[in-house]
């Protein structure tokens, strides 16, 4: 995988890093994402990301925590 390049990182890169068991926090940090931008990005691409993440229960659970509104 290529190094993260901030906001130029796209859906393929995000998914690739997450599927390699790199945590959401690490992907966010290394990509220099602000928390709101990262959450917005994940929510915008939920349909693409969720399909792949369902195969990995821990990753999927963390994804749901990021994308679901907090109460």
PDB file of N, CA and C in Angstrom:
ATOM      1  N   UNK A   1       0.829  -1.181   0.000  1.00  0.00           N
ATOM      2  CA  UNK A   1       0.000   0.000   0.000  1.00  0.00           C
ATOM      3  C   UNK A   1       0.876   1.249   0.000  1.00  0.00           C
ATOM      4  N   UNK A   2       0.421   2.243  -0.730  1.00  0.00           N
ATOM      5  CA  UNK A   2       1.161   3.497  -0.803  1.00  0.00           C
ATOM      6  C   UNK A   2       0.950   4.314   0.470  1.00  0.00           C
ATOM      7  N   UNK A   3       1.886   5.214   0.792  1.00  0.00           N
ATOM      8  CA  UNK A   3       1.715   6.067   1.979  1.00  0.00           C
ATOM      9  C   UNK A   3       0.465   6.934   1.872  1.00  0.00           C
ATOM     10  N   UNK A   4      -0.110   7.250   3.014  1.00  0.00           N
ATOM     11  CA  UNK A   4      -1.281   8.121   3.047  1.00  0.00           C
ATOM     12  C   UNK A   4      -0.896   9.527   2.621  1.00  0.00           C
ATOM     13  N   UNK A   5      -1.770  10.180   1.901  1.00  0.00           N
ATOM     14  CA  UNK A   5      -1.508  11.531   1.409  1.00  0.00           C
ATOM     15  C   UNK A   5      -2.655  12.476   1.758  1.00  0.00           C
ATOM     16  N   UNK A   6      -3.053  12.544   3.003  1.00  0.00           N
ATOM     17  CA  UNK A   6      -4.100  13.470   3.424  1.00  0.00           C
ATOM     18  C   UNK A   6      -5.400  13.260   2.686  1.00  0.00           C
ATOM     19  N   UNK A   7      -6.031  14.355   2.274  1.00  0.00           N
ATOM     20  CA  UNK A   7      -7.339  14.265   1.634  1.00  0.00           C
ATOM     21  C   UNK A   7      -7.280  13.686   0.229  1.00  0.00           C
ATOM     22  N   UNK A   8      -6.090  13.504  -0.333  1.00  0.00           N
ATOM     23  CA  UNK A   8      -6.021  12.865  -1.646  1.00  0.00           C
ATOM     24  C   UNK A   8      -6.233  11.362  -1.528  1.00  0.00           C
ATOM     25  N   UNK A   9      -6.207  10.845  -0.289  1.00  0.00           N
ATOM     26  CA  UNK A   9      -6.484   9.434  -0.064  1.00  0.00           C
ATOM     27  C   UNK A   9      -7.945   9.187  -0.421  1.00  0.00           C
ATOM     28  N   UNK A  10      -8.234   8.200  -1.230  1.00  0.00           N
ATOM     29  CA  UNK A  10      -9.607   7.969  -1.676  1.00  0.00           C
ATOM     30  C   UNK A  10     -10.152   6.671  -1.113  1.00  0.00           C
ATOM     31  N   UNK A  11     -11.329   6.310  -1.534  1.00  0.00           N
ATOM     32  CA  UNK A  11     -12.037   5.159  -0.976  1.00  0.00           C
ATOM     33  C   UNK A  11     -11.212   3.881  -1.026  1.00  0.00           C
ATOM     34  N   UNK A  12     -10.503   3.652  -2.093  1.00  0.00           N
ATOM     35  CA  UNK A  12      -9.692   2.436  -2.221  1.00  0.00           C
ATOM     36  C   UNK A  12      -8.588   2.414  -1.175  1.00  0.00           C
ATOM     37  N   UNK A  13      -7.930   3.531  -0.991  1.00  0.00           N
ATOM     38  CA  UNK A  13      -6.865   3.611   0.001  1.00  0.00           C
ATOM     39  C   UNK A  13      -7.385   3.448   1.414  1.00  0.00           C
ATOM     40  N   UNK A  14      -8.488   4.106   1.705  1.00  0.00           N
ATOM     41  CA  UNK A  14      -9.088   4.008   3.035  1.00  0.00           C
ATOM     42  C   UNK A  14      -9.470   2.567   3.326  1.00  0.00           C
ATOM     43  N   UNK A  15     -10.175   1.951   2.411  1.00  0.00           N
ATOM     44  CA  UNK A  15     -10.600   0.567   2.594  1.00  0.00           C
ATOM     45  C   UNK A  15      -9.396  -0.359   2.693  1.00  0.00           C
ATOM     46  N   UNK A  16      -8.402  -0.150   1.844  1.00  0.00           N
ATOM     47  CA  UNK A  16      -7.201  -0.991   1.860  1.00  0.00           C
ATOM     48  C   UNK A  16      -6.509  -0.973   3.210  1.00  0.00           C
ATOM     49  N   UNK A  17      -6.323   0.204   3.774  1.00  0.00           N
ATOM     50  CA  UNK A  17      -5.676   0.305   5.078  1.00  0.00           C
ATOM     51  C   UNK A  17      -6.531  -0.320   6.173  1.00  0.00           C
ATOM     52  N   UNK A  18      -7.833  -0.069   6.151  1.00  0.00           N
ATOM     53  CA  UNK A  18      -8.708  -0.632   7.173  1.00  0.00           C
ATOM     54  C   UNK A  18      -8.750  -2.152   7.084  1.00  0.00           C
ATOM     55  N   UNK A  19      -8.756  -2.705   5.880  1.00  0.00           N
ATOM     56  CA  UNK A  19      -8.800  -4.156   5.699  1.00  0.00           C
ATOM     57  C   UNK A  19      -7.482  -4.821   6.103  1.00  0.00           C
ATOM     58  N   UNK A  20      -6.428  -4.045   6.238  1.00  0.00           N
ATOM     59  CA  UNK A  20      -5.134  -4.558   6.720  1.00  0.00           C
ATOM     60  C   UNK A  20      -5.034  -4.419   8.237  1.00  0.00           C
ATOM     61  N   UNK A  21      -6.180  -4.265   8.883  1.00  0.00           N
ATOM     62  CA  UNK A  21      -6.270  -4.143  10.341  1.00  0.00           C
ATOM     63  C   UNK A  21      -5.569  -2.911  10.892  1.00  0.00           C
ATOM     64  N   UNK A  22      -5.480  -1.866  10.096  1.00  0.00           N
ATOM     65  CA  UNK A  22      -4.988  -0.585  10.586  1.00  0.00           C
ATOM     66  C   UNK A  22      -6.205   0.141  11.141  1.00  0.00           C
ATOM     67  N   UNK A  23      -6.104   0.593  12.359  1.00  0.00           N
ATOM     68  CA  UNK A  23      -7.270   1.155  13.048  1.00  0.00           C
ATOM     69  C   UNK A  23      -7.785   2.426  12.379  1.00  0.00           C
ATOM     70  N   UNK A  24      -9.052   2.704  12.638  1.00  0.00           N
ATOM     71  CA  UNK A  24      -9.664   3.932  12.126  1.00  0.00           C
ATOM     72  C   UNK A  24      -8.877   5.146  12.607  1.00  0.00           C
ATOM     73  N   UNK A  25      -8.482   5.130  13.874  1.00  0.00           N
ATOM     74  CA  UNK A  25      -7.739   6.261  14.433  1.00  0.00           C
ATOM     75  C   UNK A  25      -6.407   6.461  13.719  1.00  0.00           C
ATOM     76  N   UNK A  26      -5.725   5.368  13.378  1.00  0.00           N
ATOM     77  CA  UNK A  26      -4.445   5.472  12.672  1.00  0.00           C
ATOM     78  C   UNK A  26      -4.653   5.991  11.262  1.00  0.00           C
ATOM     79  N   UNK A  27      -5.650   5.473  10.550  1.00  0.00           N
ATOM     80  CA  UNK A  27      -5.945   5.944   9.190  1.00  0.00           C
ATOM     81  C   UNK A  27      -6.283   7.431   9.229  1.00  0.00           C
ATOM     82  N   UNK A  28      -7.094   7.818  10.196  1.00  0.00           N
ATOM     83  CA  UNK A  28      -7.472   9.229  10.341  1.00  0.00           C
ATOM     84  C   UNK A  28      -6.249  10.089  10.632  1.00  0.00           C
ATOM     85  N   UNK A  29      -5.422   9.640  11.546  1.00  0.00           N
ATOM     86  CA  UNK A  29      -4.244  10.410  11.943  1.00  0.00           C
ATOM     87  C   UNK A  29      -3.214  10.510  10.817  1.00  0.00           C
ATOM     88  N   UNK A  30      -2.875   9.393  10.223  1.00  0.00           N
ATOM     89  CA  UNK A  30      -1.863   9.384   9.163  1.00  0.00           C
ATOM     90  C   UNK A  30      -2.339  10.123   7.920  1.00  0.00           C
ATOM     91  N   UNK A  31      -3.649  10.143   7.702  1.00  0.00           N
ATOM     92  CA  UNK A  31      -4.202  10.863   6.565  1.00  0.00           C
ATOM     93  C   UNK A  31      -4.448  12.332   6.855  1.00  0.00           C
ATOM     94  N   UNK A  32      -4.105  12.746   8.083  1.00  0.00           N
ATOM     95  CA  UNK A  32      -4.291  14.139   8.511  1.00  0.00           C
ATOM     96  C   UNK A  32      -5.744  14.595   8.376  1.00  0.00           C
ATOM     97  N   UNK A  33      -6.671  13.653   8.651  1.00  0.00           N
ATOM     98  CA  UNK A  33      -8.091  13.968   8.603  1.00  0.00           C
ATOM     99  C   UNK A  33      -8.492  14.663   9.888  1.00  0.00           C
ATOM    100  N   UNK A  34      -9.348  15.638   9.793  1.00  0.00           N
ATOM    101  CA  UNK A  34     -10.003  16.182  10.978  1.00  0.00           C
ATOM    102  C   UNK A  34     -11.173  15.250  11.256  1.00  0.00           C
ATOM    103  N   UNK A  35     -11.538  15.095  12.516  1.00  0.00           N
ATOM    104  CA  UNK A  35     -12.561  14.122  12.896  1.00  0.00           C
ATOM    105  C   UNK A  35     -13.854  14.299  12.115  1.00  0.00           C
ATOM    106  N   UNK A  36     -14.327  15.506  11.928  1.00  0.00           N
ATOM    107  CA  UNK A  36     -15.574  15.723  11.202  1.00  0.00           C
ATOM    108  C   UNK A  36     -15.453  15.318   9.738  1.00  0.00           C
ATOM    109  N   UNK A  37     -14.340  15.634   9.111  1.00  0.00           N
ATOM    110  CA  UNK A  37     -14.139  15.279   7.705  1.00  0.00           C
ATOM    111  C   UNK A  37     -14.058  13.764   7.543  1.00  0.00           C
ATOM    112  N   UNK A  38     -13.391  13.088   8.471  1.00  0.00           N
ATOM    113  CA  UNK A  38     -13.245  11.638   8.397  1.00  0.00           C
ATOM    114  C   UNK A  38     -14.600  10.960   8.561  1.00  0.00           C
ATOM    115  N   UNK A  39     -15.378  11.409   9.548  1.00  0.00           N
ATOM    116  CA  UNK A  39     -16.717  10.839   9.752  1.00  0.00           C
ATOM    117  C   UNK A  39     -17.605  11.083   8.539  1.00  0.00           C
ATOM    118  N   UNK A  40     -17.559  12.277   8.001  1.00  0.00           N
ATOM    119  CA  UNK A  40     -18.348  12.607   6.816  1.00  0.00           C
ATOM    120  C   UNK A  40     -17.954  11.711   5.648  1.00  0.00           C
ATOM    121  N   UNK A  41     -16.662  11.501   5.462  1.00  0.00           N
ATOM    122  CA  UNK A  41     -16.155  10.647   4.391  1.00  0.00           C
ATOM    123  C   UNK A  41     -16.658   9.217   4.564  1.00  0.00           C
ATOM    124  N   UNK A  42     -16.558   8.685   5.784  1.00  0.00           N
ATOM    125  CA  UNK A  42     -17.027   7.322   6.046  1.00  0.00           C
ATOM    126  C   UNK A  42     -18.523   7.199   5.786  1.00  0.00           C
ATOM    127  N   UNK A  43     -19.289   8.170   6.251  1.00  0.00           N
ATOM    128  CA  UNK A  43     -20.743   8.135   6.040  1.00  0.00           C
ATOM    129  C   UNK A  43     -21.095   8.221   4.563  1.00  0.00           C
ATOM    130  N   UNK A  44     -20.371   9.040   3.834  1.00  0.00           N
ATOM    131  CA  UNK A  44     -20.638   9.215   2.406  1.00  0.00           C
ATOM    132  C   UNK A  44     -20.408   7.919   1.626  1.00  0.00           C
ATOM    133  N   UNK A  45     -19.469   7.100   2.089  1.00  0.00           N
ATOM    134  CA  UNK A  45     -19.114   5.876   1.371  1.00  0.00           C
ATOM    135  C   UNK A  45     -19.539   4.610   2.121  1.00  0.00           C
ATOM    136  N   UNK A  46     -20.552   4.733   2.973  1.00  0.00           N
ATOM    137  CA  UNK A  46     -21.004   3.611   3.788  1.00  0.00           C
ATOM    138  C   UNK A  46     -21.357   2.385   2.964  1.00  0.00           C
ATOM    139  N   UNK A  47     -22.080   2.556   1.872  1.00  0.00           N
ATOM    140  CA  UNK A  47     -22.521   1.408   1.077  1.00  0.00           C
ATOM    141  C   UNK A  47     -21.341   0.625   0.515  1.00  0.00           C
ATOM    142  N   UNK A  48     -20.294   1.304   0.127  1.00  0.00           N
ATOM    143  CA  UNK A  48     -19.119   0.623  -0.421  1.00  0.00           C
ATOM    144  C   UNK A  48     -18.323  -0.043   0.697  1.00  0.00           C
ATOM    145  N   UNK A  49     -18.057   0.690   1.759  1.00  0.00           N
ATOM    146  CA  UNK A  49     -17.217   0.187   2.839  1.00  0.00           C
ATOM    147  C   UNK A  49     -17.871  -0.954   3.609  1.00  0.00           C
ATOM    148  N   UNK A  50     -19.151  -0.825   3.939  1.00  0.00           N
ATOM    149  CA  UNK A  50     -19.828  -1.811   4.787  1.00  0.00           C
ATOM    150  C   UNK A  50     -19.828  -3.204   4.175  1.00  0.00           C
ATOM    151  N   UNK A  51     -19.991  -3.301   2.888  1.00  0.00           N
ATOM    152  CA  UNK A  51     -20.013  -4.607   2.212  1.00  0.00           C
ATOM    153  C   UNK A  51     -18.734  -5.380   2.503  1.00  0.00           C
ATOM    154  N   UNK A  52     -17.606  -4.715   2.419  1.00  0.00           N
ATOM    155  CA  UNK A  52     -16.314  -5.364   2.630  1.00  0.00           C
ATOM    156  C   UNK A  52     -16.024  -5.596   4.108  1.00  0.00           C
ATOM    157  N   UNK A  53     -16.470  -4.697   4.946  1.00  0.00           N
ATOM    158  CA  UNK A  53     -16.168  -4.781   6.370  1.00  0.00           C
ATOM    159  C   UNK A  53     -17.002  -5.815   7.104  1.00  0.00           C
ATOM    160  N   UNK A  54     -18.137  -6.212   6.566  1.00  0.00           N
ATOM    161  CA  UNK A  54     -18.986  -7.197   7.226  1.00  0.00           C
ATOM    162  C   UNK A  54     -18.268  -8.526   7.402  1.00  0.00           C
ATOM    163  N   UNK A  55     -17.272  -8.784   6.586  1.00  0.00           N
ATOM    164  CA  UNK A  55     -16.494 -10.023   6.680  1.00  0.00           C
ATOM    165  C   UNK A  55     -15.560 -10.008   7.884  1.00  0.00           C
ATOM    166  N   UNK A  56     -15.375  -8.846   8.488  1.00  0.00           N
ATOM    167  CA  UNK A  56     -14.467  -8.666   9.622  1.00  0.00           C
ATOM    168  C   UNK A  56     -15.253  -8.028  10.765  1.00  0.00           C
ATOM    169  N   UNK A  57     -15.836  -8.856  11.655  1.00  0.00           N
ATOM    170  CA  UNK A  57     -16.755  -8.352  12.682  1.00  0.00           C
ATOM    171  C   UNK A  57     -16.208  -7.204  13.537  1.00  0.00           C
ATOM    172  N   UNK A  58     -14.967  -7.269  13.957  1.00  0.00           N
ATOM    173  CA  UNK A  58     -14.417  -6.202  14.797  1.00  0.00           C
ATOM    174  C   UNK A  58     -14.329  -4.900  14.026  1.00  0.00           C
ATOM    175  N   UNK A  59     -13.851  -4.967  12.801  1.00  0.00           N
ATOM    176  CA  UNK A  59     -13.745  -3.787  11.947  1.00  0.00           C
ATOM    177  C   UNK A  59     -15.130  -3.213  11.656  1.00  0.00           C
ATOM    178  N   UNK A  60     -16.090  -4.092  11.370  1.00  0.00           N
ATOM    179  CA  UNK A  60     -17.452  -3.655  11.077  1.00  0.00           C
ATOM    180  C   UNK A  60     -18.069  -2.954  12.290  1.00  0.00           C
ATOM    181  N   UNK A  61     -17.844  -3.499  13.481  1.00  0.00           N
ATOM    182  CA  UNK A  61     -18.383  -2.886  14.701  1.00  0.00           C
ATOM    183  C   UNK A  61     -17.806  -1.483  14.893  1.00  0.00           C
ATOM    184  N   UNK A  62     -16.501  -1.334  14.695  1.00  0.00           N
ATOM    185  CA  UNK A  62     -15.866  -0.021  14.829  1.00  0.00           C
ATOM    186  C   UNK A  62     -16.399   0.946  13.771  1.00  0.00           C
ATOM    187  N   UNK A  63     -16.619   0.440  12.556  1.00  0.00           N
ATOM    188  CA  UNK A  63     -17.172   1.248  11.469  1.00  0.00           C
ATOM    189  C   UNK A  63     -18.562   1.765  11.841  1.00  0.00           C
ATOM    190  N   UNK A  64     -19.392   0.893  12.393  1.00  0.00           N
ATOM    191  CA  UNK A  64     -20.741   1.286  12.807  1.00  0.00           C
ATOM    192  C   UNK A  64     -20.662   2.364  13.890  1.00  0.00           C
ATOM    193  N   UNK A  65     -19.730   2.217  14.819  1.00  0.00           N
ATOM    194  CA  UNK A  65     -19.568   3.233  15.875  1.00  0.00           C
ATOM    195  C   UNK A  65     -19.205   4.594  15.291  1.00  0.00           C
ATOM    196  N   UNK A  66     -18.386   4.611  14.257  1.00  0.00           N
ATOM    197  CA  UNK A  66     -17.996   5.876  13.629  1.00  0.00           C
ATOM    198  C   UNK A  66     -19.132   6.503  12.830  1.00  0.00           C
ATOM    199  N   UNK A  67     -19.927   5.672  12.172  1.00  0.00           N
ATOM    200  CA  UNK A  67     -20.907   6.206  11.228  1.00  0.00           C
ATOM    201  C   UNK A  67     -22.297   6.423  11.809  1.00  0.00           C
ATOM    202  N   UNK A  68     -22.608   5.791  12.923  1.00  0.00           N
ATOM    203  CA  UNK A  68     -23.929   5.967  13.526  1.00  0.00           C
ATOM    204  C   UNK A  68     -23.918   7.197  14.419  1.00  0.00           C
ATOM    205  N   UNK A  69     -24.990   7.963  14.401  1.00  0.00           N
ATOM    206  CA  UNK A  69     -25.056   9.140  15.274  1.00  0.00           C
ATOM    207  C   UNK A  69     -25.036   8.722  16.738  1.00  0.00           C
ATOM    208  N   UNK A  70     -24.328   9.480  17.546  1.00  0.00           N
ATOM    209  CA  UNK A  70     -24.299   9.175  18.979  1.00  0.00           C
ATOM    210  C   UNK A  70     -25.560   9.733  19.638  1.00  0.00           C
ATOM    211  N   UNK A  71     -25.988   9.066  20.705  1.00  0.00           N
ATOM    212  CA  UNK A  71     -27.204   9.507  21.394  1.00  0.00           C
ATOM    213  C   UNK A  71     -26.882  10.168  22.704  1.00  0.00           C
TER     214      UNK A  71
END
